[in-house]
């Protein structure tokens, strides 16, 4: 038996609350996979019971449950905690923010983890990345978006900072739970909705009631999911136990991203076979407005307090570095590959 188990002769039982519905594709299933990996890597020394949203506490009470010791850990997206500090947004996704690989670079090597630890310590939590959805889509629209003026009066389900950007574009942001989206769009209570990407959107049948699917998802370019552990519990773990949880979280970040990449690509192929559906980029003037207004919103967020300013400046520096490198690496290669593919298929 592993040393961590033999020293105690009984598995450590942990309760993990989540913000996801039971068996929810990618996120809910990823949380379960993360828990199972902890158990397997610890040789059974750490047993993790996963609670879907509402089973132990409501989804948005997961943070408080862990902070107060009513649960041991959570799996969630940090932007759900922006009521405690707007700085939490940067560790999940912000408009025109970081791609998945860029977020990983900032958190693990660019000073992001240290800032995140400092922020979460105020609430007695130890945080870490434990998943990523990759890039998301811009959303489903009942009518086409051509000039920027088409956003005037548009009722769109889009929460958080992305919703603030849509508001400044002339729209009316609406917050609704995922399970309410189909009915709201079908009955005309909203004109558009973003959710995640082809895989999750098709699971909610959004493609059956809206004809226009726009990209890019300016508001969530590579959403990080997280594990937060009660700080007192974390400090009581021995180094081997901490290493198991860290390694399981890092593995889930990679595996979840791979699963979203695979499943979104498959779902897109199905969408492309539906003649009624138009999949298109937002017009250039709309994208330019999204970029300009996103920058303004983030600057205002940074003005809230000195700590959020520190996070924002670290985040911006990381984004600038990654964009410069990405321009001559992945972006350049993707462009060259498209040229080669177009030539071969032409």
C-alpha atoms as a PDB file:
ATOM      1  CA  UNK A   1       0.000   0.000   0.000  1.00  0.00           C
ATOM      2  CA  UNK A   2       1.171   3.575  -0.623  1.00  0.00           C
ATOM      3  CA  UNK A   3       2.890   5.361   2.228  1.00  0.00           C
ATOM      4  CA  UNK A   4       0.099   7.919   2.475  1.00  0.00           C
ATOM      5  CA  UNK A   5      -2.395   5.135   3.141  1.00  0.00           C
ATOM      6  CA  UNK A   6      -0.296   2.898   5.367  1.00  0.00           C
ATOM      7  CA  UNK A   7       0.508   5.809   7.662  1.00  0.00           C
ATOM      8  CA  UNK A   8      -3.187   6.283   8.367  1.00  0.00           C
ATOM      9  CA  UNK A   9      -4.634   2.806   7.600  1.00  0.00           C
ATOM     10  CA  UNK A  10      -7.829   4.355   6.256  1.00  0.00           C
ATOM     11  CA  UNK A  11      -8.565   6.440   3.167  1.00  0.00           C
ATOM     12  CA  UNK A  12      -8.996  10.172   3.557  1.00  0.00           C
ATOM     13  CA  UNK A  13     -12.633  10.932   2.624  1.00  0.00           C
ATOM     14  CA  UNK A  14     -13.166  14.217   0.778  1.00  0.00           C
ATOM     15  CA  UNK A  15     -16.383  15.875  -0.386  1.00  0.00           C
ATOM     16  CA  UNK A  16     -16.204  17.752  -3.689  1.00  0.00           C
ATOM     17  CA  UNK A  17     -19.087  20.059  -4.608  1.00  0.00           C
ATOM     18  CA  UNK A  18     -19.485  21.312  -8.169  1.00  0.00           C
ATOM     19  CA  UNK A  19     -21.345  23.972 -10.096  1.00  0.00           C
ATOM     20  CA  UNK A  20     -22.371  21.488 -12.807  1.00  0.00           C
ATOM     21  CA  UNK A  21     -25.531  19.423 -13.316  1.00  0.00           C
ATOM     22  CA  UNK A  22     -25.096  15.682 -12.821  1.00  0.00           C
ATOM     23  CA  UNK A  23     -23.442  13.998 -15.827  1.00  0.00           C
ATOM     24  CA  UNK A  24     -23.160  17.341 -17.651  1.00  0.00           C
ATOM     25  CA  UNK A  25     -20.948  16.678 -20.722  1.00  0.00           C
ATOM     26  CA  UNK A  26     -17.370  17.872 -20.414  1.00  0.00           C
ATOM     27  CA  UNK A  27     -17.704  19.831 -17.179  1.00  0.00           C
ATOM     28  CA  UNK A  28     -19.694  17.546 -14.885  1.00  0.00           C
ATOM     29  CA  UNK A  29     -18.097  14.425 -16.329  1.00  0.00           C
ATOM     30  CA  UNK A  30     -14.689  16.099 -16.116  1.00  0.00           C
ATOM     31  CA  UNK A  31     -15.147  16.786 -12.406  1.00  0.00           C
ATOM     32  CA  UNK A  32     -15.930  13.102 -11.840  1.00  0.00           C
ATOM     33  CA  UNK A  33     -12.917  12.039 -13.915  1.00  0.00           C
ATOM     34  CA  UNK A  34     -10.717  14.398 -11.857  1.00  0.00           C
ATOM     35  CA  UNK A  35     -11.998  12.840  -8.618  1.00  0.00           C
ATOM     36  CA  UNK A  36     -11.429   9.295  -9.903  1.00  0.00           C
ATOM     37  CA  UNK A  37      -7.890  10.187 -10.949  1.00  0.00           C
ATOM     38  CA  UNK A  38      -7.104  11.445  -7.437  1.00  0.00           C
ATOM     39  CA  UNK A  39      -8.292   8.120  -6.030  1.00  0.00           C
ATOM     40  CA  UNK A  40      -6.317   6.081  -8.567  1.00  0.00           C
ATOM     41  CA  UNK A  41      -3.103   8.095  -8.245  1.00  0.00           C
ATOM     42  CA  UNK A  42      -3.243   7.896  -4.453  1.00  0.00           C
ATOM     43  CA  UNK A  43      -3.767   4.145  -4.558  1.00  0.00           C
ATOM     44  CA  UNK A  44      -7.052   4.607  -2.724  1.00  0.00           C
ATOM     45  CA  UNK A  45      -5.526   6.755   0.020  1.00  0.00           C
ATOM     46  CA  UNK A  46      -7.778   9.669  -0.943  1.00  0.00           C
ATOM     47  CA  UNK A  47     -11.436   8.971  -1.716  1.00  0.00           C
ATOM     48  CA  UNK A  48     -13.409  11.817  -3.302  1.00  0.00           C
ATOM     49  CA  UNK A  49     -17.220  11.911  -3.342  1.00  0.00           C
ATOM     50  CA  UNK A  50     -18.545  14.218  -6.075  1.00  0.00           C
ATOM     51  CA  UNK A  51     -21.752  16.190  -5.568  1.00  0.00           C
ATOM     52  CA  UNK A  52     -23.476  17.731  -8.579  1.00  0.00           C
ATOM     53  CA  UNK A  53     -24.965  21.210  -8.274  1.00  0.00           C
ATOM     54  CA  UNK A  54     -27.801  21.152  -5.761  1.00  0.00           C
ATOM     55  CA  UNK A  55     -27.001  17.764  -4.252  1.00  0.00           C
ATOM     56  CA  UNK A  56     -25.120  19.095  -1.218  1.00  0.00           C
ATOM     57  CA  UNK A  57     -25.325  22.849  -1.803  1.00  0.00           C
ATOM     58  CA  UNK A  58     -26.697  25.000  -4.649  1.00  0.00           C
ATOM     59  CA  UNK A  59     -24.191  25.623  -7.462  1.00  0.00           C
ATOM     60  CA  UNK A  60     -23.281  29.171  -6.530  1.00  0.00           C
ATOM     61  CA  UNK A  61     -22.821  28.291  -2.853  1.00  0.00           C
ATOM     62  CA  UNK A  62     -19.953  25.905  -3.609  1.00  0.00           C
ATOM     63  CA  UNK A  63     -17.346  28.571  -2.845  1.00  0.00           C
ATOM     64  CA  UNK A  64     -18.778  29.391   0.584  1.00  0.00           C
ATOM     65  CA  UNK A  65     -19.207  25.701   1.399  1.00  0.00           C
ATOM     66  CA  UNK A  66     -15.488  25.086   0.859  1.00  0.00           C
ATOM     67  CA  UNK A  67     -14.409  28.354   2.471  1.00  0.00           C
ATOM     68  CA  UNK A  68     -16.398  27.491   5.601  1.00  0.00           C
ATOM     69  CA  UNK A  69     -15.351  23.834   5.680  1.00  0.00           C
ATOM     70  CA  UNK A  70     -18.806  22.394   4.922  1.00  0.00           C
ATOM     71  CA  UNK A  71     -17.231  20.760   1.870  1.00  0.00           C
ATOM     72  CA  UNK A  72     -13.575  19.978   1.234  1.00  0.00           C
ATOM     73  CA  UNK A  73     -13.173  21.099  -2.372  1.00  0.00           C
ATOM     74  CA  UNK A  74     -15.061  22.408  -5.380  1.00  0.00           C
ATOM     75  CA  UNK A  75     -14.889  22.125  -9.158  1.00  0.00           C
ATOM     76  CA  UNK A  76     -16.162  25.290 -10.831  1.00  0.00           C
ATOM     77  CA  UNK A  77     -15.276  28.356 -12.910  1.00  0.00           C
ATOM     78  CA  UNK A  78     -13.774  31.222 -10.926  1.00  0.00           C
ATOM     79  CA  UNK A  79     -15.918  33.911 -12.551  1.00  0.00           C
ATOM     80  CA  UNK A  80     -18.810  32.589 -10.482  1.00  0.00           C
ATOM     81  CA  UNK A  81     -17.107  34.222  -7.470  1.00  0.00           C
ATOM     82  CA  UNK A  82     -16.809  37.729  -8.937  1.00  0.00           C
ATOM     83  CA  UNK A  83     -19.177  38.974  -6.224  1.00  0.00           C
ATOM     84  CA  UNK A  84     -16.298  38.425  -3.760  1.00  0.00           C
ATOM     85  CA  UNK A  85     -13.705  40.003  -6.037  1.00  0.00           C
ATOM     86  CA  UNK A  86     -13.760  40.918  -9.711  1.00  0.00           C
ATOM     87  CA  UNK A  87     -10.172  39.646  -9.855  1.00  0.00           C
ATOM     88  CA  UNK A  88     -11.497  36.059  -9.866  1.00  0.00           C
ATOM     89  CA  UNK A  89     -12.644  36.585 -13.467  1.00  0.00           C
ATOM     90  CA  UNK A  90      -9.073  36.576 -14.739  1.00  0.00           C
ATOM     91  CA  UNK A  91      -8.526  32.988 -13.570  1.00  0.00           C
ATOM     92  CA  UNK A  92     -11.419  31.670 -15.676  1.00  0.00           C
ATOM     93  CA  UNK A  93     -12.038  33.928 -18.681  1.00  0.00           C
ATOM     94  CA  UNK A  94     -12.481  37.596 -19.523  1.00  0.00           C
ATOM     95  CA  UNK A  95     -13.530  39.226 -22.804  1.00  0.00           C
ATOM     96  CA  UNK A  96     -10.674  39.244 -25.323  1.00  0.00           C
ATOM     97  CA  UNK A  97      -8.525  37.445 -22.744  1.00  0.00           C
ATOM     98  CA  UNK A  98      -6.309  34.366 -22.972  1.00  0.00           C
ATOM     99  CA  UNK A  99      -6.455  31.183 -25.023  1.00  0.00           C
ATOM    100  CA  UNK A 100      -6.161  27.905 -23.113  1.00  0.00           C
ATOM    101  CA  UNK A 101      -2.431  27.545 -23.739  1.00  0.00           C
ATOM    102  CA  UNK A 102      -1.894  31.193 -22.786  1.00  0.00           C
ATOM    103  CA  UNK A 103      -3.847  30.835 -19.543  1.00  0.00           C
ATOM    104  CA  UNK A 104      -1.802  27.769 -18.626  1.00  0.00           C
ATOM    105  CA  UNK A 105       1.421  29.671 -19.324  1.00  0.00           C
ATOM    106  CA  UNK A 106       0.389  32.651 -17.200  1.00  0.00           C
ATOM    107  CA  UNK A 107      -0.889  30.613 -14.258  1.00  0.00           C
ATOM    108  CA  UNK A 108       1.965  28.091 -14.124  1.00  0.00           C
ATOM    109  CA  UNK A 109       4.923  30.248 -15.143  1.00  0.00           C
ATOM    110  CA  UNK A 110       3.899  33.909 -15.452  1.00  0.00           C
ATOM    111  CA  UNK A 111       2.973  34.734 -11.865  1.00  0.00           C
ATOM    112  CA  UNK A 112      -0.731  33.956 -12.151  1.00  0.00           C
ATOM    113  CA  UNK A 113      -0.774  31.154  -9.577  1.00  0.00           C
ATOM    114  CA  UNK A 114       0.902  33.305  -6.941  1.00  0.00           C
ATOM    115  CA  UNK A 115      -1.667  36.076  -7.405  1.00  0.00           C
ATOM    116  CA  UNK A 116      -4.512  33.551  -7.400  1.00  0.00           C
ATOM    117  CA  UNK A 117      -3.200  31.987  -4.183  1.00  0.00           C
ATOM    118  CA  UNK A 118      -3.030  35.423  -2.568  1.00  0.00           C
ATOM    119  CA  UNK A 119      -6.599  36.233  -3.601  1.00  0.00           C
ATOM    120  CA  UNK A 120      -8.136  32.899  -2.596  1.00  0.00           C
ATOM    121  CA  UNK A 121      -6.265  32.826   0.729  1.00  0.00           C
ATOM    122  CA  UNK A 122      -8.545  35.663   1.897  1.00  0.00           C
ATOM    123  CA  UNK A 123     -11.338  33.097   1.760  1.00  0.00           C
ATOM    124  CA  UNK A 124      -9.339  30.155   3.166  1.00  0.00           C
ATOM    125  CA  UNK A 125      -9.089  28.414  -0.217  1.00  0.00           C
ATOM    126  CA  UNK A 126      -6.182  26.920  -2.193  1.00  0.00           C
ATOM    127  CA  UNK A 127      -6.992  27.161  -5.946  1.00  0.00           C
ATOM    128  CA  UNK A 128      -5.603  25.449  -9.048  1.00  0.00           C
ATOM    129  CA  UNK A 129      -6.519  24.920 -12.688  1.00  0.00           C
ATOM    130  CA  UNK A 130      -8.448  21.692 -13.305  1.00  0.00           C
ATOM    131  CA  UNK A 131      -9.873  21.915 -16.823  1.00  0.00           C
ATOM    132  CA  UNK A 132     -10.362  24.092 -19.883  1.00  0.00           C
ATOM    133  CA  UNK A 133     -13.132  24.272 -22.477  1.00  0.00           C
ATOM    134  CA  UNK A 134     -10.924  25.767 -25.165  1.00  0.00           C
ATOM    135  CA  UNK A 135     -12.435  28.528 -27.322  1.00  0.00           C
ATOM    136  CA  UNK A 136     -16.174  29.049 -27.129  1.00  0.00           C
ATOM    137  CA  UNK A 137     -18.610  30.288 -29.770  1.00  0.00           C
ATOM    138  CA  UNK A 138     -20.191  33.722 -30.048  1.00  0.00           C
ATOM    139  CA  UNK A 139     -23.716  32.390 -29.803  1.00  0.00           C
ATOM    140  CA  UNK A 140     -26.990  31.502 -31.508  1.00  0.00           C
ATOM    141  CA  UNK A 141     -29.057  34.318 -33.015  1.00  0.00           C
ATOM    142  CA  UNK A 142     -32.605  34.312 -34.353  1.00  0.00           C
ATOM    143  CA  UNK A 143     -31.741  36.985 -36.940  1.00  0.00           C
ATOM    144  CA  UNK A 144     -28.533  37.787 -38.825  1.00  0.00           C
ATOM    145  CA  UNK A 145     -26.062  40.303 -37.405  1.00  0.00           C
ATOM    146  CA  UNK A 146     -24.767  42.589 -40.137  1.00  0.00           C
ATOM    147  CA  UNK A 147     -23.986  46.138 -39.012  1.00  0.00           C
ATOM    148  CA  UNK A 148     -23.154  46.839 -35.378  1.00  0.00           C
ATOM    149  CA  UNK A 149     -26.532  48.574 -35.133  1.00  0.00           C
ATOM    150  CA  UNK A 150     -28.197  45.143 -35.171  1.00  0.00           C
ATOM    151  CA  UNK A 151     -27.158  44.822 -31.515  1.00  0.00           C
ATOM    152  CA  UNK A 152     -29.420  47.743 -30.571  1.00  0.00           C
ATOM    153  CA  UNK A 153     -32.150  46.358 -28.314  1.00  0.00           C
ATOM    154  CA  UNK A 154     -30.959  42.761 -28.804  1.00  0.00           C
ATOM    155  CA  UNK A 155     -31.863  40.632 -25.779  1.00  0.00           C
ATOM    156  CA  UNK A 156     -28.998  38.190 -25.362  1.00  0.00           C
ATOM    157  CA  UNK A 157     -28.284  35.649 -22.683  1.00  0.00           C
ATOM    158  CA  UNK A 158     -24.672  36.391 -21.822  1.00  0.00           C
ATOM    159  CA  UNK A 159     -23.538  36.742 -18.186  1.00  0.00           C
ATOM    160  CA  UNK A 160     -20.703  38.557 -16.475  1.00  0.00           C
ATOM    161  CA  UNK A 161     -18.217  40.856 -18.145  1.00  0.00           C
ATOM    162  CA  UNK A 162     -19.226  39.658 -21.613  1.00  0.00           C
ATOM    163  CA  UNK A 163     -22.724  40.849 -20.819  1.00  0.00           C
ATOM    164  CA  UNK A 164     -21.369  44.276 -19.900  1.00  0.00           C
ATOM    165  CA  UNK A 165     -19.698  44.490 -23.321  1.00  0.00           C
ATOM    166  CA  UNK A 166     -22.954  43.539 -25.078  1.00  0.00           C
ATOM    167  CA  UNK A 167     -24.753  46.213 -23.039  1.00  0.00           C
ATOM    168  CA  UNK A 168     -22.303  48.847 -24.269  1.00  0.00           C
ATOM    169  CA  UNK A 169     -22.896  47.626 -27.830  1.00  0.00           C
ATOM    170  CA  UNK A 170     -26.562  48.513 -27.383  1.00  0.00           C
ATOM    171  CA  UNK A 171     -27.885  45.115 -26.371  1.00  0.00           C
ATOM    172  CA  UNK A 172     -29.682  43.946 -23.249  1.00  0.00           C
ATOM    173  CA  UNK A 173     -27.733  41.203 -21.451  1.00  0.00           C
ATOM    174  CA  UNK A 174     -29.832  38.569 -19.702  1.00  0.00           C
ATOM    175  CA  UNK A 175     -28.646  35.965 -17.186  1.00  0.00           C
ATOM    176  CA  UNK A 176     -30.320  32.564 -17.395  1.00  0.00           C
ATOM    177  CA  UNK A 177     -29.290  29.070 -16.344  1.00  0.00           C
ATOM    178  CA  UNK A 178     -28.383  26.626 -19.094  1.00  0.00           C
ATOM    179  CA  UNK A 179     -31.515  24.572 -18.608  1.00  0.00           C
ATOM    180  CA  UNK A 180     -33.691  27.634 -19.324  1.00  0.00           C
ATOM    181  CA  UNK A 181     -32.081  28.628 -22.631  1.00  0.00           C
ATOM    182  CA  UNK A 182     -34.101  26.514 -25.054  1.00  0.00           C
ATOM    183  CA  UNK A 183     -37.467  27.674 -23.740  1.00  0.00           C
ATOM    184  CA  UNK A 184     -36.391  31.326 -23.489  1.00  0.00           C
ATOM    185  CA  UNK A 185     -35.114  31.365 -27.078  1.00  0.00           C
ATOM    186  CA  UNK A 186     -38.014  29.309 -28.410  1.00  0.00           C
ATOM    187  CA  UNK A 187     -40.654  31.544 -26.812  1.00  0.00           C
ATOM    188  CA  UNK A 188     -38.946  34.780 -27.855  1.00  0.00           C
ATOM    189  CA  UNK A 189     -38.020  35.928 -24.352  1.00  0.00           C
ATOM    190  CA  UNK A 190     -34.475  36.375 -25.677  1.00  0.00           C
ATOM    191  CA  UNK A 191     -33.214  36.990 -29.221  1.00  0.00           C
ATOM    192  CA  UNK A 192     -29.850  35.285 -28.856  1.00  0.00           C
ATOM    193  CA  UNK A 193     -27.830  33.180 -26.455  1.00  0.00           C
ATOM    194  CA  UNK A 194     -24.286  32.039 -25.975  1.00  0.00           C
ATOM    195  CA  UNK A 195     -23.614  28.785 -24.158  1.00  0.00           C
ATOM    196  CA  UNK A 196     -20.354  26.957 -24.851  1.00  0.00           C
ATOM    197  CA  UNK A 197     -19.667  25.468 -28.280  1.00  0.00           C
ATOM    198  CA  UNK A 198     -21.151  22.987 -30.779  1.00  0.00           C
ATOM    199  CA  UNK A 199     -20.961  19.974 -28.443  1.00  0.00           C
ATOM    200  CA  UNK A 200     -22.788  21.490 -25.465  1.00  0.00           C
ATOM    201  CA  UNK A 201     -25.033  23.736 -27.557  1.00  0.00           C
ATOM    202  CA  UNK A 202     -26.384  20.791 -29.557  1.00  0.00           C
ATOM    203  CA  UNK A 203     -27.014  18.886 -26.323  1.00  0.00           C
ATOM    204  CA  UNK A 204     -29.460  21.686 -25.450  1.00  0.00           C
ATOM    205  CA  UNK A 205     -30.924  21.582 -29.007  1.00  0.00           C
ATOM    206  CA  UNK A 206     -30.227  25.281 -29.547  1.00  0.00           C
ATOM    207  CA  UNK A 207     -29.545  24.536 -33.217  1.00  0.00           C
ATOM    208  CA  UNK A 208     -33.190  23.535 -33.692  1.00  0.00           C
ATOM    209  CA  UNK A 209     -34.585  26.988 -32.852  1.00  0.00           C
ATOM    210  CA  UNK A 210     -31.986  29.486 -34.138  1.00  0.00           C
ATOM    211  CA  UNK A 211     -30.509  29.713 -37.634  1.00  0.00           C
ATOM    212  CA  UNK A 212     -27.418  31.886 -37.139  1.00  0.00           C
ATOM    213  CA  UNK A 213     -24.343  30.680 -35.262  1.00  0.00           C
ATOM    214  CA  UNK A 214     -21.662  33.340 -34.880  1.00  0.00           C
ATOM    215  CA  UNK A 215     -18.008  33.261 -33.913  1.00  0.00           C
ATOM    216  CA  UNK A 216     -15.622  34.034 -32.292  1.00  0.00           C
ATOM    217  CA  UNK A 217     -16.647  33.809 -28.656  1.00  0.00           C
ATOM    218  CA  UNK A 218     -14.967  37.078 -27.690  1.00  0.00           C
ATOM    219  CA  UNK A 219     -16.074  36.668 -24.081  1.00  0.00           C
ATOM    220  CA  UNK A 220     -14.560  33.222 -23.360  1.00  0.00           C
ATOM    221  CA  UNK A 221     -11.522  32.437 -25.549  1.00  0.00           C
ATOM    222  CA  UNK A 222     -10.235  29.592 -23.370  1.00  0.00           C
ATOM    223  CA  UNK A 223     -12.175  29.179 -20.160  1.00  0.00           C
ATOM    224  CA  UNK A 224     -10.224  27.684 -17.282  1.00  0.00           C
ATOM    225  CA  UNK A 225     -12.040  25.466 -14.804  1.00  0.00           C
ATOM    226  CA  UNK A 226     -10.734  25.217 -11.290  1.00  0.00           C
ATOM    227  CA  UNK A 227     -10.452  23.196  -8.141  1.00  0.00           C
ATOM    228  CA  UNK A 228     -10.573  25.062  -4.861  1.00  0.00           C
ATOM    229  CA  UNK A 229      -9.585  23.239  -1.669  1.00  0.00           C
ATOM    230  CA  UNK A 230     -10.257  24.321   1.902  1.00  0.00           C
ATOM    231  CA  UNK A 231      -6.979  25.928   2.971  1.00  0.00           C
ATOM    232  CA  UNK A 232      -6.846  24.311   6.406  1.00  0.00           C
ATOM    233  CA  UNK A 233      -7.354  20.901   4.815  1.00  0.00           C
ATOM    234  CA  UNK A 234      -4.736  21.621   2.136  1.00  0.00           C
ATOM    235  CA  UNK A 235      -2.168  22.614   4.744  1.00  0.00           C
ATOM    236  CA  UNK A 236      -2.868  19.387   6.657  1.00  0.00           C
ATOM    237  CA  UNK A 237      -2.054  17.203   3.635  1.00  0.00           C
ATOM    238  CA  UNK A 238       1.429  15.772   3.402  1.00  0.00           C
ATOM    239  CA  UNK A 239       3.571  16.593   0.334  1.00  0.00           C
ATOM    240  CA  UNK A 240       2.687  13.311  -1.393  1.00  0.00           C
ATOM    241  CA  UNK A 241      -1.046  13.962  -1.054  1.00  0.00           C
ATOM    242  CA  UNK A 242      -0.676  17.522  -2.310  1.00  0.00           C
ATOM    243  CA  UNK A 243       1.352  16.257  -5.275  1.00  0.00           C
ATOM    244  CA  UNK A 244      -1.377  13.751  -6.152  1.00  0.00           C
ATOM    245  CA  UNK A 245      -4.059  16.454  -6.245  1.00  0.00           C
ATOM    246  CA  UNK A 246      -1.860  18.886  -8.182  1.00  0.00           C
ATOM    247  CA  UNK A 247      -0.969  16.208 -10.727  1.00  0.00           C
ATOM    248  CA  UNK A 248      -4.575  15.080 -11.111  1.00  0.00           C
ATOM    249  CA  UNK A 249      -5.653  18.692 -11.678  1.00  0.00           C
ATOM    250  CA  UNK A 250      -2.946  19.240 -14.304  1.00  0.00           C
ATOM    251  CA  UNK A 251      -3.956  16.011 -16.044  1.00  0.00           C
ATOM    252  CA  UNK A 252      -7.622  17.041 -16.080  1.00  0.00           C
ATOM    253  CA  UNK A 253      -6.727  20.420 -17.568  1.00  0.00           C
ATOM    254  CA  UNK A 254      -5.105  18.629 -20.508  1.00  0.00           C
ATOM    255  CA  UNK A 255      -7.680  15.846 -20.902  1.00  0.00           C
ATOM    256  CA  UNK A 256     -10.740  18.116 -20.666  1.00  0.00           C
ATOM    257  CA  UNK A 257      -9.288  20.456 -23.282  1.00  0.00           C
ATOM    258  CA  UNK A 258      -8.636  17.474 -25.560  1.00  0.00           C
ATOM    259  CA  UNK A 259     -12.181  16.203 -25.072  1.00  0.00           C
ATOM    260  CA  UNK A 260     -13.721  19.579 -25.930  1.00  0.00           C
ATOM    261  CA  UNK A 261     -11.490  19.828 -29.021  1.00  0.00           C
ATOM    262  CA  UNK A 262     -12.581  16.371 -30.194  1.00  0.00           C
ATOM    263  CA  UNK A 263     -16.283  16.652 -29.395  1.00  0.00           C
ATOM    264  CA  UNK A 264     -16.673  20.192 -30.759  1.00  0.00           C
ATOM    265  CA  UNK A 265     -15.058  19.119 -34.029  1.00  0.00           C
ATOM    266  CA  UNK A 266     -17.464  16.169 -34.322  1.00  0.00           C
ATOM    267  CA  UNK A 267     -20.488  18.311 -33.465  1.00  0.00           C
ATOM    268  CA  UNK A 268     -19.457  20.957 -36.002  1.00  0.00           C
ATOM    269  CA  UNK A 269     -19.497  18.332 -38.756  1.00  0.00           C
ATOM    270  CA  UNK A 270     -23.110  17.560 -37.859  1.00  0.00           C
ATOM    271  CA  UNK A 271     -24.060  21.250 -37.858  1.00  0.00           C
ATOM    272  CA  UNK A 272     -22.483  21.787 -41.274  1.00  0.00           C
ATOM    273  CA  UNK A 273     -24.882  19.225 -42.750  1.00  0.00           C
ATOM    274  CA  UNK A 274     -27.952  21.293 -41.768  1.00  0.00           C
ATOM    275  CA  UNK A 275     -28.637  23.655 -44.726  1.00  0.00           C
ATOM    276  CA  UNK A 276     -30.825  26.000 -42.661  1.00  0.00           C
ATOM    277  CA  UNK A 277     -27.969  26.982 -40.343  1.00  0.00           C
ATOM    278  CA  UNK A 278     -25.531  29.775 -41.174  1.00  0.00           C
ATOM    279  CA  UNK A 279     -22.188  29.575 -39.354  1.00  0.00           C
ATOM    280  CA  UNK A 280     -20.335  32.844 -39.813  1.00  0.00           C
ATOM    281  CA  UNK A 281     -17.912  35.293 -38.205  1.00  0.00           C
ATOM    282  CA  UNK A 282     -19.263  38.428 -36.603  1.00  0.00           C
ATOM    283  CA  UNK A 283     -18.854  41.326 -39.078  1.00  0.00           C
ATOM    284  CA  UNK A 284     -15.575  43.240 -38.834  1.00  0.00           C
ATOM    285  CA  UNK A 285     -17.158  46.334 -37.273  1.00  0.00           C
ATOM    286  CA  UNK A 286     -18.808  44.165 -34.612  1.00  0.00           C
ATOM    287  CA  UNK A 287     -15.519  42.428 -33.795  1.00  0.00           C
ATOM    288  CA  UNK A 288     -13.745  45.793 -33.608  1.00  0.00           C
ATOM    289  CA  UNK A 289     -16.392  47.105 -31.200  1.00  0.00           C
ATOM    290  CA  UNK A 290     -16.117  43.958 -29.086  1.00  0.00           C
ATOM    291  CA  UNK A 291     -12.348  44.429 -28.810  1.00  0.00           C
ATOM    292  CA  UNK A 292     -12.555  48.149 -28.021  1.00  0.00           C
ATOM    293  CA  UNK A 293     -15.318  47.801 -25.434  1.00  0.00           C
ATOM    294  CA  UNK A 294     -13.745  44.715 -23.834  1.00  0.00           C
ATOM    295  CA  UNK A 295     -10.565  46.710 -23.228  1.00  0.00           C
ATOM    296  CA  UNK A 296     -12.584  49.503 -21.620  1.00  0.00           C
ATOM    297  CA  UNK A 297     -14.503  47.087 -19.375  1.00  0.00           C
ATOM    298  CA  UNK A 298     -11.308  45.370 -18.186  1.00  0.00           C
ATOM    299  CA  UNK A 299      -9.663  48.720 -17.463  1.00  0.00           C
ATOM    300  CA  UNK A 300     -12.649  49.686 -15.303  1.00  0.00           C
ATOM    301  CA  UNK A 301     -12.484  46.339 -13.494  1.00  0.00           C
ATOM    302  CA  UNK A 302      -8.817  47.020 -12.719  1.00  0.00           C
ATOM    303  CA  UNK A 303      -9.733  50.350 -11.123  1.00  0.00           C
ATOM    304  CA  UNK A 304     -11.823  48.665  -8.414  1.00  0.00           C
ATOM    305  CA  UNK A 305      -8.929  48.049  -6.022  1.00  0.00           C
ATOM    306  CA  UNK A 306      -5.110  47.843  -5.986  1.00  0.00           C
ATOM    307  CA  UNK A 307      -5.011  44.034  -5.916  1.00  0.00           C
ATOM    308  CA  UNK A 308      -7.255  43.678  -8.965  1.00  0.00           C
ATOM    309  CA  UNK A 309      -4.976  46.188 -10.710  1.00  0.00           C
ATOM    310  CA  UNK A 310      -1.981  43.924  -9.971  1.00  0.00           C
ATOM    311  CA  UNK A 311      -3.777  40.902 -11.409  1.00  0.00           C
ATOM    312  CA  UNK A 312      -4.875  42.883 -14.468  1.00  0.00           C
ATOM    313  CA  UNK A 313      -1.373  44.186 -15.194  1.00  0.00           C
ATOM    314  CA  UNK A 314       0.179  40.728 -14.813  1.00  0.00           C
ATOM    315  CA  UNK A 315      -2.550  39.297 -17.059  1.00  0.00           C
ATOM    316  CA  UNK A 316      -2.046  41.988 -19.729  1.00  0.00           C
ATOM    317  CA  UNK A 317       1.722  41.452 -19.751  1.00  0.00           C
ATOM    318  CA  UNK A 318       1.216  37.712 -20.211  1.00  0.00           C
ATOM    319  CA  UNK A 319      -1.292  38.303 -23.004  1.00  0.00           C
ATOM    320  CA  UNK A 320       1.063  40.673 -24.801  1.00  0.00           C
ATOM    321  CA  UNK A 321       3.945  38.184 -24.641  1.00  0.00           C
ATOM    322  CA  UNK A 322       1.776  35.290 -25.785  1.00  0.00           C
ATOM    323  CA  UNK A 323       0.256  37.281 -28.642  1.00  0.00           C
ATOM    324  CA  UNK A 324       3.705  38.238 -29.966  1.00  0.00           C
ATOM    325  CA  UNK A 325       4.878  34.619 -29.855  1.00  0.00           C
ATOM    326  CA  UNK A 326       1.583  33.239 -31.151  1.00  0.00           C
ATOM    327  CA  UNK A 327       1.644  35.556 -34.157  1.00  0.00           C
ATOM    328  CA  UNK A 328       4.839  33.955 -35.512  1.00  0.00           C
ATOM    329  CA  UNK A 329       4.180  30.418 -34.246  1.00  0.00           C
ATOM    330  CA  UNK A 330       0.677  28.916 -34.129  1.00  0.00           C
ATOM    331  CA  UNK A 331      -1.091  31.680 -36.064  1.00  0.00           C
ATOM    332  CA  UNK A 332       1.559  31.671 -38.790  1.00  0.00           C
ATOM    333  CA  UNK A 333       1.467  27.898 -39.060  1.00  0.00           C
ATOM    334  CA  UNK A 334      -2.349  27.790 -39.126  1.00  0.00           C
ATOM    335  CA  UNK A 335      -2.326  30.299 -41.986  1.00  0.00           C
ATOM    336  CA  UNK A 336       0.279  28.301 -43.920  1.00  0.00           C
ATOM    337  CA  UNK A 337      -1.609  25.062 -43.327  1.00  0.00           C
ATOM    338  CA  UNK A 338      -4.828  26.593 -44.651  1.00  0.00           C
ATOM    339  CA  UNK A 339      -3.018  27.696 -47.808  1.00  0.00           C
ATOM    340  CA  UNK A 340      -1.592  24.221 -48.301  1.00  0.00           C
ATOM    341  CA  UNK A 341      -4.946  22.555 -47.629  1.00  0.00           C
ATOM    342  CA  UNK A 342      -6.838  24.939 -49.897  1.00  0.00           C
ATOM    343  CA  UNK A 343      -4.309  24.298 -52.677  1.00  0.00           C
ATOM    344  CA  UNK A 344      -4.506  20.526 -52.237  1.00  0.00           C
ATOM    345  CA  UNK A 345      -8.302  20.520 -52.149  1.00  0.00           C
ATOM    346  CA  UNK A 346      -8.673  23.100 -54.924  1.00  0.00           C
END
